[in-house]
Amino acid sequence: MRIGLFATCLGDTLFPEAVKSTAVLLARLGHDVVFPPGQTCCGQMHVNTGYQREPVPLVRNFADQFGDAAIDAVVMPSGSCAGTVRHQHEMVARRYGDAALRSGVTAVKDKTYELSELLVDVLGVTEVGAYFPHRVTYHPTCHSLRMLRVGEKPLKLLRAVDSIELVELPEAEACCGFGGTFALKNADTSTAMLQDKMRHIATTGAEVCTAGDSSCLMHIGGGLSRIRSGTRTLHLAQILAATRTAPYAPMEALR
């Protein structure tokens, strides 16, 4: 399968290893991964903050970059960005776009997936040859849980990882408090939600907290680092890309 990889803003600027790991994983599974060089932001932060007309050029560019019929599927290591493309792009195009944009958006959204969706639903795999000998807990991010409804897919993938010790996170479905600009506009509430999430993570004794969104991991990881919890955050893609012969590079720091 020829798969277009969307890096996302956070992946491009702060968490490139999650993007690289997505490409490594899919290539290892035998797929052709392409990276359209003209890709930009998907416009999520604009729409979520109430600016629905402003991201029209971004929505159009996404449809142009990934609309190539030779690209069978589009993947991104982000439930929130996948949710934006699948649900919000159509709304923006309908309200402020032209017929060409509406057509392009529809064609692209129907082949766009978050990583766990692509692996389980489209490629039909749960065992990807991963090896990660550490105690891990999983946080289901809000967009993947509530907008995309990925359900157990990330957990199915994690349970199949060789030598992993996967522990359940109490009150896992509670938001971590990030929510993009929510964390800035409602800092006190966001911090209180984060404290609850960190307290629950602490009860698991996990070395690693993983998720499918770098944004939530940034929020959680920052909090865990400030209290020197000993638990680090790592994107799901990085765990799935690790193998016995090519382990996750900073793995020694986890031992």
C-alpha atoms as a PDB file:
ATOM      1  CA  MET A   1       0.000   0.000   0.000  1.00  0.00           C
ATOM      2  CA  ARG A   2       1.183   3.547  -0.770  1.00  0.00           C
ATOM      3  CA  ILE A   3       0.679   5.610   2.396  1.00  0.00           C
ATOM      4  CA  GLY A   4       0.945   9.386   2.692  1.00  0.00           C
ATOM      5  CA  LEU A   5       2.447  10.506   6.008  1.00  0.00           C
ATOM      6  CA  PHE A   6       1.256  13.749   7.600  1.00  0.00           C
ATOM      7  CA  ALA A   7       3.751  15.005  10.186  1.00  0.00           C
ATOM      8  CA  THR A   8       1.484  17.452  12.124  1.00  0.00           C
ATOM      9  CA  CYS A   9       2.782  20.731  13.565  1.00  0.00           C
ATOM     10  CA  LEU A  10       3.934  19.260  16.865  1.00  0.00           C
ATOM     11  CA  GLY A  11       5.527  16.316  15.119  1.00  0.00           C
ATOM     12  CA  ASP A  12       7.427  18.599  12.778  1.00  0.00           C
ATOM     13  CA  THR A  13       8.640  21.063  15.401  1.00  0.00           C
ATOM     14  CA  LEU A  14       8.849  19.221  18.731  1.00  0.00           C
ATOM     15  CA  PHE A  15       8.352  15.465  18.370  1.00  0.00           C
ATOM     16  CA  PRO A  16       9.902  14.354  15.059  1.00  0.00           C
ATOM     17  CA  GLU A  17      10.739  10.905  16.475  1.00  0.00           C
ATOM     18  CA  ALA A  18       7.036  10.028  16.578  1.00  0.00           C
ATOM     19  CA  VAL A  19       6.762  10.866  12.883  1.00  0.00           C
ATOM     20  CA  LYS A  20       9.956   8.990  11.980  1.00  0.00           C
ATOM     21  CA  SER A  21       8.803   5.975  13.990  1.00  0.00           C
ATOM     22  CA  THR A  22       5.513   5.926  12.081  1.00  0.00           C
ATOM     23  CA  ALA A  23       7.418   5.795   8.802  1.00  0.00           C
ATOM     24  CA  VAL A  24       9.849   3.133  10.067  1.00  0.00           C
ATOM     25  CA  LEU A  25       7.011   0.960  11.349  1.00  0.00           C
ATOM     26  CA  LEU A  26       4.965   1.096   8.148  1.00  0.00           C
ATOM     27  CA  ALA A  27       8.026   0.493   5.970  1.00  0.00           C
ATOM     28  CA  ARG A  28       8.916  -2.519   8.124  1.00  0.00           C
ATOM     29  CA  LEU A  29       5.444  -3.881   7.453  1.00  0.00           C
ATOM     30  CA  GLY A  30       6.129  -3.669   3.721  1.00  0.00           C
ATOM     31  CA  HIS A  31       4.378  -0.443   2.737  1.00  0.00           C
ATOM     32  CA  ASP A  32       5.552   2.473   0.603  1.00  0.00           C
ATOM     33  CA  VAL A  33       5.558   5.603   2.779  1.00  0.00           C
ATOM     34  CA  VAL A  34       5.531   8.958   0.970  1.00  0.00           C
ATOM     35  CA  PHE A  35       5.931  12.397   2.489  1.00  0.00           C
ATOM     36  CA  PRO A  36       4.371  15.222   0.438  1.00  0.00           C
ATOM     37  CA  PRO A  37       6.878  18.062   0.983  1.00  0.00           C
ATOM     38  CA  GLY A  38       4.359  20.883   0.651  1.00  0.00           C
ATOM     39  CA  GLN A  39       2.263  19.841   3.660  1.00  0.00           C
ATOM     40  CA  THR A  40       1.489  22.423   6.338  1.00  0.00           C
ATOM     41  CA  CYS A  41      -0.717  22.693   9.435  1.00  0.00           C
ATOM     42  CA  CYS A  42      -4.126  21.030   9.106  1.00  0.00           C
ATOM     43  CA  GLY A  43      -5.822  24.081  10.661  1.00  0.00           C
ATOM     44  CA  GLN A  44      -6.997  22.372  13.831  1.00  0.00           C
ATOM     45  CA  MET A  45      -5.970  25.138  16.221  1.00  0.00           C
ATOM     46  CA  HIS A  46      -7.724  27.760  14.110  1.00  0.00           C
ATOM     47  CA  VAL A  47     -11.025  25.889  13.984  1.00  0.00           C
ATOM     48  CA  ASN A  48     -10.934  24.887  17.654  1.00  0.00           C
ATOM     49  CA  THR A  49     -10.372  28.506  18.662  1.00  0.00           C
ATOM     50  CA  GLY A  50     -13.345  29.707  16.610  1.00  0.00           C
ATOM     51  CA  TYR A  51     -11.600  30.939  13.460  1.00  0.00           C
ATOM     52  CA  GLN A  52     -13.304  28.839  10.816  1.00  0.00           C
ATOM     53  CA  ARG A  53     -12.755  30.996   7.736  1.00  0.00           C
ATOM     54  CA  GLU A  54      -9.027  31.548   8.305  1.00  0.00           C
ATOM     55  CA  PRO A  55      -7.887  27.912   7.829  1.00  0.00           C
ATOM     56  CA  VAL A  56      -9.448  27.584   4.350  1.00  0.00           C
ATOM     57  CA  PRO A  57      -6.007  27.851   2.653  1.00  0.00           C
ATOM     58  CA  LEU A  58      -4.651  25.188   5.014  1.00  0.00           C
ATOM     59  CA  VAL A  59      -7.584  22.868   4.338  1.00  0.00           C
ATOM     60  CA  ARG A  60      -7.154  23.388   0.597  1.00  0.00           C
ATOM     61  CA  ASN A  61      -3.443  22.661   0.810  1.00  0.00           C
ATOM     62  CA  PHE A  62      -4.045  19.439   2.755  1.00  0.00           C
ATOM     63  CA  ALA A  63      -6.511  18.251   0.115  1.00  0.00           C
ATOM     64  CA  ASP A  64      -4.055  19.155  -2.651  1.00  0.00           C
ATOM     65  CA  GLN A  65      -1.062  17.492  -0.992  1.00  0.00           C
ATOM     66  CA  PHE A  66      -2.783  14.229  -0.128  1.00  0.00           C
ATOM     67  CA  GLY A  67      -5.448  14.077  -2.820  1.00  0.00           C
ATOM     68  CA  ASP A  68      -3.211  12.225  -5.278  1.00  0.00           C
ATOM     69  CA  ALA A  69      -5.063   9.092  -6.350  1.00  0.00           C
ATOM     70  CA  ALA A  70      -1.757   7.188  -6.124  1.00  0.00           C
ATOM     71  CA  ILE A  71      -1.880   7.635  -2.339  1.00  0.00           C
ATOM     72  CA  ASP A  72      -4.045   4.811  -1.008  1.00  0.00           C
ATOM     73  CA  ALA A  73      -4.262   6.057   2.583  1.00  0.00           C
ATOM     74  CA  VAL A  74      -3.149   8.996   4.713  1.00  0.00           C
ATOM     75  CA  VAL A  75      -1.820   8.396   8.214  1.00  0.00           C
ATOM     76  CA  MET A  76      -0.841  10.683  11.053  1.00  0.00           C
ATOM     77  CA  PRO A  77       0.456  10.007  14.590  1.00  0.00           C
ATOM     78  CA  SER A  78      -2.293  12.193  16.035  1.00  0.00           C
ATOM     79  CA  GLY A  79      -5.908  11.483  16.851  1.00  0.00           C
ATOM     80  CA  SER A  80      -6.715  15.184  17.046  1.00  0.00           C
ATOM     81  CA  CYS A  81      -5.347  15.993  13.588  1.00  0.00           C
ATOM     82  CA  ALA A  82      -7.051  12.935  12.108  1.00  0.00           C
ATOM     83  CA  GLY A  83     -10.281  14.092  13.725  1.00  0.00           C
ATOM     84  CA  THR A  84      -9.822  17.540  12.222  1.00  0.00           C
ATOM     85  CA  VAL A  85      -9.353  16.165   8.708  1.00  0.00           C
ATOM     86  CA  ARG A  86     -12.229  13.717   8.987  1.00  0.00           C
ATOM     87  CA  HIS A  87     -14.772  16.017  10.622  1.00  0.00           C
ATOM     88  CA  GLN A  88     -13.769  19.687  10.673  1.00  0.00           C
ATOM     89  CA  HIS A  89     -12.364  20.052   7.161  1.00  0.00           C
ATOM     90  CA  GLU A  90     -15.722  19.188   5.659  1.00  0.00           C
ATOM     91  CA  MET A  91     -17.448  21.768   7.874  1.00  0.00           C
ATOM     92  CA  VAL A  92     -14.973  24.491   6.857  1.00  0.00           C
ATOM     93  CA  ALA A  93     -15.260  23.592   3.164  1.00  0.00           C
ATOM     94  CA  ARG A  94     -19.039  23.555   3.300  1.00  0.00           C
ATOM     95  CA  ARG A  95     -19.272  26.965   4.968  1.00  0.00           C
ATOM     96  CA  TYR A  96     -16.450  28.875   3.314  1.00  0.00           C
ATOM     97  CA  GLY A  97     -15.074  26.847   0.395  1.00  0.00           C
ATOM     98  CA  ASP A  98     -15.962  26.307  -3.222  1.00  0.00           C
ATOM     99  CA  ALA A  99     -17.145  23.174  -4.999  1.00  0.00           C
ATOM    100  CA  ALA A 100     -13.588  22.068  -5.810  1.00  0.00           C
ATOM    101  CA  LEU A 101     -12.556  22.312  -2.171  1.00  0.00           C
ATOM    102  CA  ARG A 102     -15.602  20.409  -0.982  1.00  0.00           C
ATOM    103  CA  SER A 103     -14.888  17.627  -3.467  1.00  0.00           C
ATOM    104  CA  GLY A 104     -11.213  17.471  -2.546  1.00  0.00           C
ATOM    105  CA  VAL A 105     -11.900  17.390   1.165  1.00  0.00           C
ATOM    106  CA  THR A 106     -14.394  14.552   0.820  1.00  0.00           C
ATOM    107  CA  ALA A 107     -11.967  12.454  -1.211  1.00  0.00           C
ATOM    108  CA  VAL A 108      -9.111  12.881   1.277  1.00  0.00           C
ATOM    109  CA  LYS A 109     -11.062  12.493   4.512  1.00  0.00           C
ATOM    110  CA  ASP A 110     -12.360   9.102   3.441  1.00  0.00           C
ATOM    111  CA  LYS A 111      -8.805   7.712   3.302  1.00  0.00           C
ATOM    112  CA  THR A 112      -7.359   9.469   6.381  1.00  0.00           C
ATOM    113  CA  TYR A 113      -6.555   7.503   9.534  1.00  0.00           C
ATOM    114  CA  GLU A 114      -4.927   7.799  12.924  1.00  0.00           C
ATOM    115  CA  LEU A 115      -2.069   5.285  13.259  1.00  0.00           C
ATOM    116  CA  SER A 116      -3.863   2.595  15.296  1.00  0.00           C
ATOM    117  CA  GLU A 117      -6.891   2.760  12.968  1.00  0.00           C
ATOM    118  CA  LEU A 118      -4.707   2.256   9.927  1.00  0.00           C
ATOM    119  CA  LEU A 119      -2.876  -0.688  11.451  1.00  0.00           C
ATOM    120  CA  VAL A 120      -5.867  -2.553  12.863  1.00  0.00           C
ATOM    121  CA  ASP A 121      -8.764  -1.626  10.568  1.00  0.00           C
ATOM    122  CA  VAL A 122      -7.058  -1.093   7.213  1.00  0.00           C
ATOM    123  CA  LEU A 123      -3.889  -3.212   7.304  1.00  0.00           C
ATOM    124  CA  GLY A 124      -5.440  -5.856   9.540  1.00  0.00           C
ATOM    125  CA  VAL A 125      -2.502  -6.258  11.931  1.00  0.00           C
ATOM    126  CA  THR A 126      -2.107  -6.108  15.696  1.00  0.00           C
ATOM    127  CA  GLU A 127       1.241  -7.870  16.074  1.00  0.00           C
ATOM    128  CA  VAL A 128       3.800  -5.635  14.377  1.00  0.00           C
ATOM    129  CA  GLY A 129       7.035  -7.233  15.592  1.00  0.00           C
ATOM    130  CA  ALA A 130       7.630  -4.706  18.354  1.00  0.00           C
ATOM    131  CA  TYR A 131       9.784  -5.278  21.431  1.00  0.00           C
ATOM    132  CA  PHE A 132       9.628  -3.020  24.491  1.00  0.00           C
ATOM    133  CA  PRO A 133      10.593  -4.641  27.829  1.00  0.00           C
ATOM    134  CA  HIS A 134       9.147  -2.022  30.162  1.00  0.00           C
ATOM    135  CA  ARG A 135       6.140  -1.313  32.368  1.00  0.00           C
ATOM    136  CA  VAL A 136       3.756   0.844  30.348  1.00  0.00           C
ATOM    137  CA  THR A 137       0.377   2.475  30.880  1.00  0.00           C
ATOM    138  CA  TYR A 138      -1.837   3.907  28.130  1.00  0.00           C
ATOM    139  CA  HIS A 139      -3.746   7.202  28.133  1.00  0.00           C
ATOM    140  CA  PRO A 140      -6.585   7.347  25.560  1.00  0.00           C
ATOM    141  CA  THR A 141      -6.629  10.909  24.234  1.00  0.00           C
ATOM    142  CA  CYS A 142      -9.925  12.747  23.922  1.00  0.00           C
ATOM    143  CA  HIS A 143     -10.082  13.116  20.125  1.00  0.00           C
ATOM    144  CA  SER A 144      -9.094   9.510  19.491  1.00  0.00           C
ATOM    145  CA  LEU A 145     -11.533   8.300  22.122  1.00  0.00           C
ATOM    146  CA  ARG A 146     -14.533  10.544  21.483  1.00  0.00           C
ATOM    147  CA  MET A 147     -14.237  11.799  17.912  1.00  0.00           C
ATOM    148  CA  LEU A 148     -12.541   8.886  16.126  1.00  0.00           C
ATOM    149  CA  ARG A 149     -13.735   6.215  18.553  1.00  0.00           C
ATOM    150  CA  VAL A 150     -10.591   4.119  18.172  1.00  0.00           C
ATOM    151  CA  GLY A 151     -11.616   2.134  21.247  1.00  0.00           C
ATOM    152  CA  GLU A 152      -9.370  -0.838  22.017  1.00  0.00           C
ATOM    153  CA  LYS A 153      -7.223  -0.589  18.894  1.00  0.00           C
ATOM    154  CA  PRO A 154      -4.161   0.995  20.576  1.00  0.00           C
ATOM    155  CA  LEU A 155      -4.426  -1.473  23.445  1.00  0.00           C
ATOM    156  CA  LYS A 156      -4.618  -4.431  21.050  1.00  0.00           C
ATOM    157  CA  LEU A 157      -1.385  -3.243  19.489  1.00  0.00           C
ATOM    158  CA  LEU A 158       0.304  -2.732  22.852  1.00  0.00           C
ATOM    159  CA  ARG A 159      -0.786  -6.123  24.205  1.00  0.00           C
ATOM    160  CA  ALA A 160       0.942  -7.787  21.271  1.00  0.00           C
ATOM    161  CA  VAL A 161       4.301  -6.079  21.956  1.00  0.00           C
ATOM    162  CA  ASP A 162       7.001  -8.558  22.991  1.00  0.00           C
ATOM    163  CA  SER A 163       8.079  -8.338  26.672  1.00  0.00           C
ATOM    164  CA  ILE A 164       5.927  -5.296  27.504  1.00  0.00           C
ATOM    165  CA  GLU A 165       4.220  -5.107  30.890  1.00  0.00           C
ATOM    166  CA  LEU A 166       0.998  -3.230  30.182  1.00  0.00           C
ATOM    167  CA  VAL A 167      -0.842  -1.904  33.235  1.00  0.00           C
ATOM    168  CA  GLU A 168      -4.306  -0.362  33.266  1.00  0.00           C
ATOM    169  CA  LEU A 169      -4.557   3.365  33.963  1.00  0.00           C
ATOM    170  CA  PRO A 170      -7.249   4.250  36.553  1.00  0.00           C
ATOM    171  CA  GLU A 171      -9.925   6.608  35.188  1.00  0.00           C
ATOM    172  CA  ALA A 172      -8.153   6.394  31.859  1.00  0.00           C
ATOM    173  CA  GLU A 173     -10.917   8.094  29.892  1.00  0.00           C
ATOM    174  CA  ALA A 174     -10.669  11.335  31.894  1.00  0.00           C
ATOM    175  CA  CYS A 175      -9.138  14.211  29.933  1.00  0.00           C
ATOM    176  CA  CYS A 176      -5.557  15.160  30.808  1.00  0.00           C
ATOM    177  CA  GLY A 177      -6.477  18.857  30.735  1.00  0.00           C
ATOM    178  CA  PHE A 178      -4.554  19.945  27.648  1.00  0.00           C
ATOM    179  CA  GLY A 179      -7.141  20.646  24.959  1.00  0.00           C
ATOM    180  CA  GLY A 180      -4.888  22.991  22.996  1.00  0.00           C
ATOM    181  CA  THR A 181      -5.759  26.603  23.803  1.00  0.00           C
ATOM    182  CA  PHE A 182      -7.952  25.342  26.665  1.00  0.00           C
ATOM    183  CA  ALA A 183      -4.774  24.889  28.720  1.00  0.00           C
ATOM    184  CA  LEU A 184      -3.925  28.558  28.136  1.00  0.00           C
ATOM    185  CA  LYS A 185      -7.378  30.072  28.561  1.00  0.00           C
ATOM    186  CA  ASN A 186      -8.328  27.895  31.529  1.00  0.00           C
ATOM    187  CA  ALA A 187      -4.964  27.292  33.150  1.00  0.00           C
ATOM    188  CA  ASP A 188      -6.221  26.578  36.671  1.00  0.00           C
ATOM    189  CA  THR A 189      -8.760  24.007  35.493  1.00  0.00           C
ATOM    190  CA  SER A 190      -6.227  22.466  33.117  1.00  0.00           C
ATOM    191  CA  THR A 191      -3.665  22.142  35.912  1.00  0.00           C
ATOM    192  CA  ALA A 192      -6.186  20.503  38.233  1.00  0.00           C
ATOM    193  CA  MET A 193      -7.085  17.963  35.544  1.00  0.00           C
ATOM    194  CA  LEU A 194      -3.417  17.291  34.907  1.00  0.00           C
ATOM    195  CA  GLN A 195      -2.796  16.697  38.599  1.00  0.00           C
ATOM    196  CA  ASP A 196      -5.561  14.086  38.639  1.00  0.00           C
ATOM    197  CA  LYS A 197      -4.074  12.384  35.586  1.00  0.00           C
ATOM    198  CA  MET A 198      -0.574  12.348  37.085  1.00  0.00           C
ATOM    199  CA  ARG A 199      -1.877  10.925  40.344  1.00  0.00           C
ATOM    200  CA  HIS A 200      -3.510   8.050  38.499  1.00  0.00           C
ATOM    201  CA  ILE A 201      -0.371   7.424  36.435  1.00  0.00           C
ATOM    202  CA  ALA A 202       1.664   7.283  39.645  1.00  0.00           C
ATOM    203  CA  THR A 203      -0.511   4.468  41.011  1.00  0.00           C
ATOM    204  CA  THR A 204       0.439   2.248  38.047  1.00  0.00           C
ATOM    205  CA  GLY A 205       4.155   2.319  38.789  1.00  0.00           C
ATOM    206  CA  ALA A 206       4.700   2.617  35.040  1.00  0.00           C
ATOM    207  CA  GLU A 207       8.060   3.544  33.573  1.00  0.00           C
ATOM    208  CA  VAL A 208       6.306   4.914  30.495  1.00  0.00           C
ATOM    209  CA  CYS A 209       2.962   6.563  29.798  1.00  0.00           C
ATOM    210  CA  THR A 210       2.045   6.291  26.141  1.00  0.00           C
ATOM    211  CA  ALA A 211      -0.685   7.774  23.955  1.00  0.00           C
ATOM    212  CA  GLY A 212      -1.479   8.476  20.318  1.00  0.00           C
ATOM    213  CA  ASP A 213      -1.159  12.269  20.514  1.00  0.00           C
ATOM    214  CA  SER A 214       2.075  14.174  21.109  1.00  0.00           C
ATOM    215  CA  SER A 215       0.101  17.178  22.369  1.00  0.00           C
ATOM    216  CA  CYS A 216      -1.336  15.294  25.331  1.00  0.00           C
ATOM    217  CA  LEU A 217       2.005  13.606  25.966  1.00  0.00           C
ATOM    218  CA  MET A 218       3.663  17.036  25.992  1.00  0.00           C
ATOM    219  CA  HIS A 219       1.203  18.221  28.635  1.00  0.00           C
ATOM    220  CA  ILE A 220       1.437  15.075  30.754  1.00  0.00           C
ATOM    221  CA  GLY A 221       5.176  14.743  30.273  1.00  0.00           C
ATOM    222  CA  GLY A 222       5.795  18.317  31.359  1.00  0.00           C
ATOM    223  CA  GLY A 223       3.873  17.728  34.557  1.00  0.00           C
ATOM    224  CA  LEU A 224       5.590  14.423  35.300  1.00  0.00           C
ATOM    225  CA  SER A 225       8.974  16.005  34.700  1.00  0.00           C
ATOM    226  CA  ARG A 226       8.285  18.917  37.039  1.00  0.00           C
ATOM    227  CA  ILE A 227       7.448  16.599  39.925  1.00  0.00           C
ATOM    228  CA  ARG A 228      10.326  14.247  39.030  1.00  0.00           C
ATOM    229  CA  SER A 229       7.978  11.295  38.953  1.00  0.00           C
ATOM    230  CA  GLY A 230      10.359   8.891  37.240  1.00  0.00           C
ATOM    231  CA  THR A 231       7.736   8.174  34.579  1.00  0.00           C
ATOM    232  CA  ARG A 232       8.400   9.384  31.060  1.00  0.00           C
ATOM    233  CA  THR A 233       6.044   9.810  28.111  1.00  0.00           C
ATOM    234  CA  LEU A 234       6.487   8.153  24.727  1.00  0.00           C
ATOM    235  CA  HIS A 235       4.313   8.118  21.631  1.00  0.00           C
ATOM    236  CA  LEU A 236       2.629   4.845  20.688  1.00  0.00           C
ATOM    237  CA  ALA A 237       4.464   4.864  17.350  1.00  0.00           C
ATOM    238  CA  GLN A 238       7.840   4.843  19.087  1.00  0.00           C
ATOM    239  CA  ILE A 239       6.952   1.758  21.101  1.00  0.00           C
ATOM    240  CA  LEU A 240       5.587  -0.061  18.048  1.00  0.00           C
ATOM    241  CA  ALA A 241       8.657   0.839  15.976  1.00  0.00           C
ATOM    242  CA  ALA A 242      11.090  -0.607  18.543  1.00  0.00           C
ATOM    243  CA  THR A 243      12.385  -4.134  17.931  1.00  0.00           C
ATOM    244  CA  ARG A 244      14.984  -6.447  19.459  1.00  0.00           C
ATOM    245  CA  THR A 245      17.434  -5.635  16.673  1.00  0.00           C
ATOM    246  CA  ALA A 246      16.553  -1.929  16.552  1.00  0.00           C
ATOM    247  CA  PRO A 247      15.439  -0.955  20.075  1.00  0.00           C
ATOM    248  CA  TYR A 248      14.194   2.480  20.960  1.00  0.00           C
ATOM    249  CA  ALA A 249      17.367   4.604  21.045  1.00  0.00           C
ATOM    250  CA  PRO A 250      17.136   6.198  24.532  1.00  0.00           C
ATOM    251  CA  MET A 251      16.002   2.876  25.997  1.00  0.00           C
ATOM    252  CA  GLU A 252      19.043   2.647  28.292  1.00  0.00           C
ATOM    253  CA  ALA A 253      17.697   5.639  30.189  1.00  0.00           C
ATOM    254  CA  LEU A 254      14.625   3.595  31.105  1.00  0.00           C
ATOM    255  CA  ARG A 255      16.595   0.830  32.814  1.00  0.00           C
END
